[in-house]
Protein backbone atom coordinates (compact mmCIF):
# COMPACT_ATOMS: atom_id res chain seq x y z
CA MET A 1 -4.07 -42.57 32.71
CA SER A 2 -4.69 -46.31 32.54
CA PHE A 3 -7.48 -48.64 31.47
CA LEU A 4 -6.56 -50.84 34.42
CA LYS A 5 -7.65 -48.21 36.95
CA ALA A 6 -11.13 -47.92 38.39
CA SER A 7 -11.77 -44.85 36.24
CA THR A 8 -9.91 -43.16 33.42
CA SER A 9 -10.27 -40.64 30.60
CA PHE A 10 -9.82 -41.79 27.04
CA THR A 11 -10.41 -40.83 23.43
CA ARG A 12 -12.15 -43.08 20.95
CA PHE A 13 -11.13 -43.38 17.30
CA MET A 14 -12.94 -45.05 14.45
CA VAL A 15 -10.97 -47.11 11.92
CA MET A 16 -12.07 -45.76 8.55
CA ASP A 17 -10.44 -48.36 6.27
CA ASP A 18 -10.80 -52.10 5.96
CA VAL A 19 -7.74 -53.55 7.67
CA LYS A 20 -5.78 -55.96 5.52
CA LEU A 21 -5.47 -59.49 6.87
CA GLU A 22 -1.67 -59.40 6.67
CA ILE A 23 -1.61 -56.51 9.14
CA TYR A 24 -3.28 -58.67 11.78
CA ASP A 25 -1.13 -61.69 10.86
CA ASN A 26 2.08 -59.64 11.17
CA LEU A 27 0.96 -57.50 14.11
CA GLU A 28 3.95 -58.22 16.37
CA ASP A 29 6.42 -57.49 13.57
CA ILE A 30 4.75 -54.14 12.85
CA LEU A 31 4.77 -53.15 16.52
CA ARG A 32 8.45 -54.07 16.83
CA LYS A 33 9.31 -52.17 13.65
CA PHE A 34 7.66 -49.01 14.97
CA ALA A 35 8.63 -49.52 18.62
CA ILE A 36 10.15 -46.63 20.54
CA VAL A 37 13.95 -46.34 20.54
CA ASP A 38 15.51 -45.17 23.80
CA ILE A 39 17.27 -41.79 23.69
CA ASP A 40 18.92 -42.05 27.12
CA GLU A 41 22.39 -42.18 25.57
CA ILE A 42 21.84 -39.58 22.85
CA ALA A 43 20.81 -35.92 22.98
CA ASP A 44 17.54 -36.11 21.03
CA GLU A 45 14.79 -33.98 22.51
CA ARG A 46 11.96 -36.44 21.93
CA ALA A 47 11.23 -40.04 20.95
CA TYR A 48 8.00 -41.96 20.59
CA GLY A 49 6.72 -45.33 19.46
CA TRP A 50 4.97 -48.52 20.52
CA THR A 51 5.73 -50.63 23.53
CA SER A 52 4.03 -53.37 25.53
CA PHE A 53 0.76 -52.70 27.35
CA ASP A 54 2.12 -54.60 30.38
CA ASP A 55 5.72 -53.32 30.47
CA MET A 56 6.89 -50.01 28.98
CA LEU A 57 10.42 -51.44 28.62
CA ASP A 58 9.31 -54.43 26.55
CA THR A 59 9.62 -53.04 23.03
CA ALA A 60 10.15 -56.54 21.62
CA PHE A 61 6.76 -57.71 22.94
CA ALA A 62 8.53 -60.78 24.32
CA GLU A 63 6.90 -60.95 27.75
CA SER A 64 3.24 -60.79 26.75
CA SER A 65 1.28 -60.96 23.52
CA PRO A 66 -0.60 -57.87 22.30
CA ARG A 67 -3.45 -60.18 21.28
CA LYS A 68 -6.11 -60.41 23.98
CA GLY A 69 -9.12 -62.28 22.61
CA GLU A 70 -10.82 -60.06 20.04
CA PHE A 71 -8.72 -57.07 21.09
CA VAL A 72 -5.21 -55.85 20.38
CA VAL A 73 -3.55 -54.06 23.28
CA PHE A 74 -0.27 -52.16 23.35
CA ALA A 75 0.95 -48.73 24.43
CA PHE A 76 2.21 -45.49 22.94
CA ARG A 77 5.30 -44.27 24.79
CA LEU A 78 6.53 -40.69 24.52
CA ASP A 79 9.93 -39.78 25.99
CA THR A 80 10.63 -36.05 26.28
CA ARG A 81 13.56 -34.08 27.63
CA ARG A 82 12.36 -31.04 29.53
CA ILE A 83 14.83 -28.31 30.46
CA ALA A 84 13.58 -25.34 32.45
CA PRO A 85 13.82 -22.05 30.49
CA ALA A 86 15.65 -20.44 33.41
CA ILE A 87 18.42 -23.06 33.14
CA ILE A 88 18.78 -22.46 29.41
CA LYS A 89 18.86 -18.70 29.96
CA LYS A 90 21.59 -19.01 32.58
CA HIS A 91 23.88 -21.22 30.52
CA VAL A 92 23.35 -19.19 27.36
CA ALA A 93 24.39 -16.07 29.29
CA ILE A 94 27.53 -17.85 30.51
CA ALA A 95 28.39 -19.05 27.00
CA LEU A 96 27.84 -15.59 25.47
CA ARG A 97 30.03 -13.96 28.13
CA GLN A 98 32.82 -16.44 27.41
CA GLU A 99 32.47 -15.72 23.70
CA GLU A 100 32.69 -11.97 24.32
CA GLU A 101 35.88 -12.48 26.31
CA LYS A 102 37.43 -14.43 23.44
CA LEU A 103 36.43 -11.75 20.95
CA ALA A 104 37.87 -9.01 23.18
CA GLU A 105 41.26 -10.73 23.07
CA LEU A 106 41.06 -10.53 19.28
CA GLY A 107 40.06 -6.87 19.37
CA LYS A 108 36.44 -7.52 18.42
CA LYS A 109 33.37 -6.22 20.25
CA TYR A 110 30.24 -7.87 18.94
CA ILE A 111 28.99 -11.42 18.47
CA SER A 112 27.34 -11.90 15.10
CA LYS A 113 23.68 -12.90 14.93
CA ASP A 114 24.51 -16.26 13.33
CA ARG A 115 27.14 -16.99 15.97
CA LYS A 116 24.63 -16.23 18.76
CA LYS A 117 22.19 -18.73 17.25
CA GLU A 118 24.96 -21.29 17.02
CA ILE A 119 25.93 -20.77 20.67
CA ILE A 120 22.31 -21.12 21.83
CA GLU A 121 21.93 -24.40 19.93
CA GLN A 122 25.20 -25.71 21.34
CA VAL A 123 24.08 -24.88 24.87
CA LYS A 124 20.73 -26.63 24.39
CA LEU A 125 22.49 -29.68 22.97
CA LYS A 126 24.87 -29.89 25.94
CA LEU A 127 22.02 -29.51 28.43
CA ARG A 128 19.93 -32.18 26.68
CA ALA A 129 22.87 -34.57 26.81
CA ARG A 130 22.97 -34.09 30.60
CA THR A 131 19.20 -34.49 31.10
CA LEU A 132 17.39 -37.81 31.16
CA PRO A 133 14.16 -37.98 29.14
CA VAL A 134 10.87 -38.28 31.02
CA PRO A 135 8.73 -41.19 29.79
CA ALA A 136 4.94 -41.03 29.44
CA VAL A 137 2.91 -44.11 28.53
CA PHE A 138 -0.58 -44.05 26.97
CA GLU A 139 -2.39 -47.35 26.62
CA VAL A 140 -4.08 -48.46 23.40
CA VAL A 141 -6.97 -50.92 23.10
CA TRP A 142 -7.90 -51.80 19.52
CA ASP A 143 -11.25 -53.49 19.03
CA TYR A 144 -10.20 -55.10 15.80
CA ALA A 145 -13.59 -56.53 14.83
CA GLY A 146 -15.48 -53.42 15.96
CA LYS A 147 -13.07 -51.10 14.07
CA THR A 148 -12.65 -48.93 17.17
CA VAL A 149 -9.47 -47.76 18.92
CA TYR A 150 -9.50 -46.59 22.54
CA PHE A 151 -6.57 -44.36 23.51
CA ALA A 152 -5.85 -43.44 27.13
CA SER A 153 -5.33 -39.71 26.71
CA THR A 154 -7.31 -36.57 25.96
CA GLN A 155 -4.34 -34.23 25.37
CA ARG A 156 -4.63 -32.65 21.94
CA LYS A 157 -0.91 -32.73 21.07
CA VAL A 158 -0.62 -36.36 22.16
CA LEU A 159 -3.77 -37.30 20.22
CA ASP A 160 -2.40 -35.73 17.04
CA LEU A 161 0.95 -37.48 17.47
CA PHE A 162 -0.70 -40.83 18.21
CA SER A 163 -3.15 -40.72 15.29
CA GLU A 164 -0.40 -39.76 12.84
CA TYR A 165 1.86 -42.56 14.07
CA PHE A 166 -0.97 -45.11 14.05
CA VAL A 167 -1.68 -44.34 10.39
CA ARG A 168 2.02 -44.55 9.54
CA SER A 169 2.42 -47.87 11.35
CA PHE A 170 -0.68 -49.74 10.19
CA ASP A 171 -1.50 -47.91 6.94
CA VAL A 172 -5.13 -47.39 7.94
CA ALA A 173 -6.96 -44.11 8.47
CA ILE A 174 -8.54 -43.35 11.84
CA GLU A 175 -10.85 -40.53 12.87
CA GLN A 176 -11.59 -39.24 16.36
CA VAL A 177 -15.15 -40.00 17.42
CA LEU A 178 -16.90 -36.77 18.41
CA PRO A 179 -20.56 -36.37 19.40
CA TYR A 180 -21.33 -35.07 15.91
CA THR A 181 -19.62 -37.95 14.10
CA LEU A 182 -21.19 -40.45 16.50
CA ALA A 183 -24.63 -39.04 15.69
CA GLN A 184 -23.83 -39.32 11.98
CA ASN A 185 -23.00 -43.01 12.39
CA ILE A 186 -26.19 -43.68 14.33
CA LEU A 187 -28.55 -41.72 12.07
CA GLY A 188 -26.93 -42.66 8.77
CA ALA A 189 -26.27 -40.75 5.57
CA GLY A 190 -28.11 -37.50 4.88
CA CYS A 191 -28.56 -36.51 8.52
CA GLU A 192 -26.22 -33.51 8.43
CA ASP A 193 -28.95 -30.90 7.85
CA THR A 194 -30.94 -32.28 10.77
CA LEU A 195 -27.94 -32.24 13.08
CA ASP A 196 -26.90 -28.73 12.01
CA ALA A 197 -30.41 -27.44 12.79
CA LEU A 198 -30.38 -28.71 16.38
CA GLU A 199 -30.36 -26.16 19.17
CA PRO A 200 -28.70 -26.74 22.56
CA THR A 201 -31.01 -27.56 25.46
CA THR A 202 -30.74 -25.73 28.79
CA PHE A 203 -31.45 -27.97 31.79
CA ASN A 204 -31.06 -25.26 34.47
CA ILE A 205 -34.22 -24.47 36.39
CA ASP A 206 -34.59 -20.85 37.54
């Protein structure tokens, strides 16, 4: 999903803390410090971090500034290696059969439970090393003055990962804006009892 398309789905977050001036002054340094590190040449299963809004390969933010008027724009990139369970099952079976043949030569019959776990992990590691990670890019638009962050995803796992990493990077708390929390902000303090007493309205006409 992209904010540059005619339509998109996004999630809105509210910045709960006052952002320190030095965070804005050192924005590029923070983004570079927490930028994604490629895992193409290593066997890690997953990597994530910041990258440029305009170019997912520009983790140094050299080609374009993340500062766009009153907004800060960048992207959250998530690289994941995905190996089909059937492939893992096949190669684990091959590895276990080879292990059984080795044990038979030594007069042994059974593979220990710990050794089976070790073999499974070794197989997964070898398969990951042979599989390129799939990148996914989710754009971020931070209304710095309005203390609002727009994130181009609605996937729960991605939202949790993004919000946790945002807090770690910028040392400010954010909270997802839901209809209930939005109503709280509009109505002000002490409105919870009123909101909790509301009943849903049915607009269907029989």
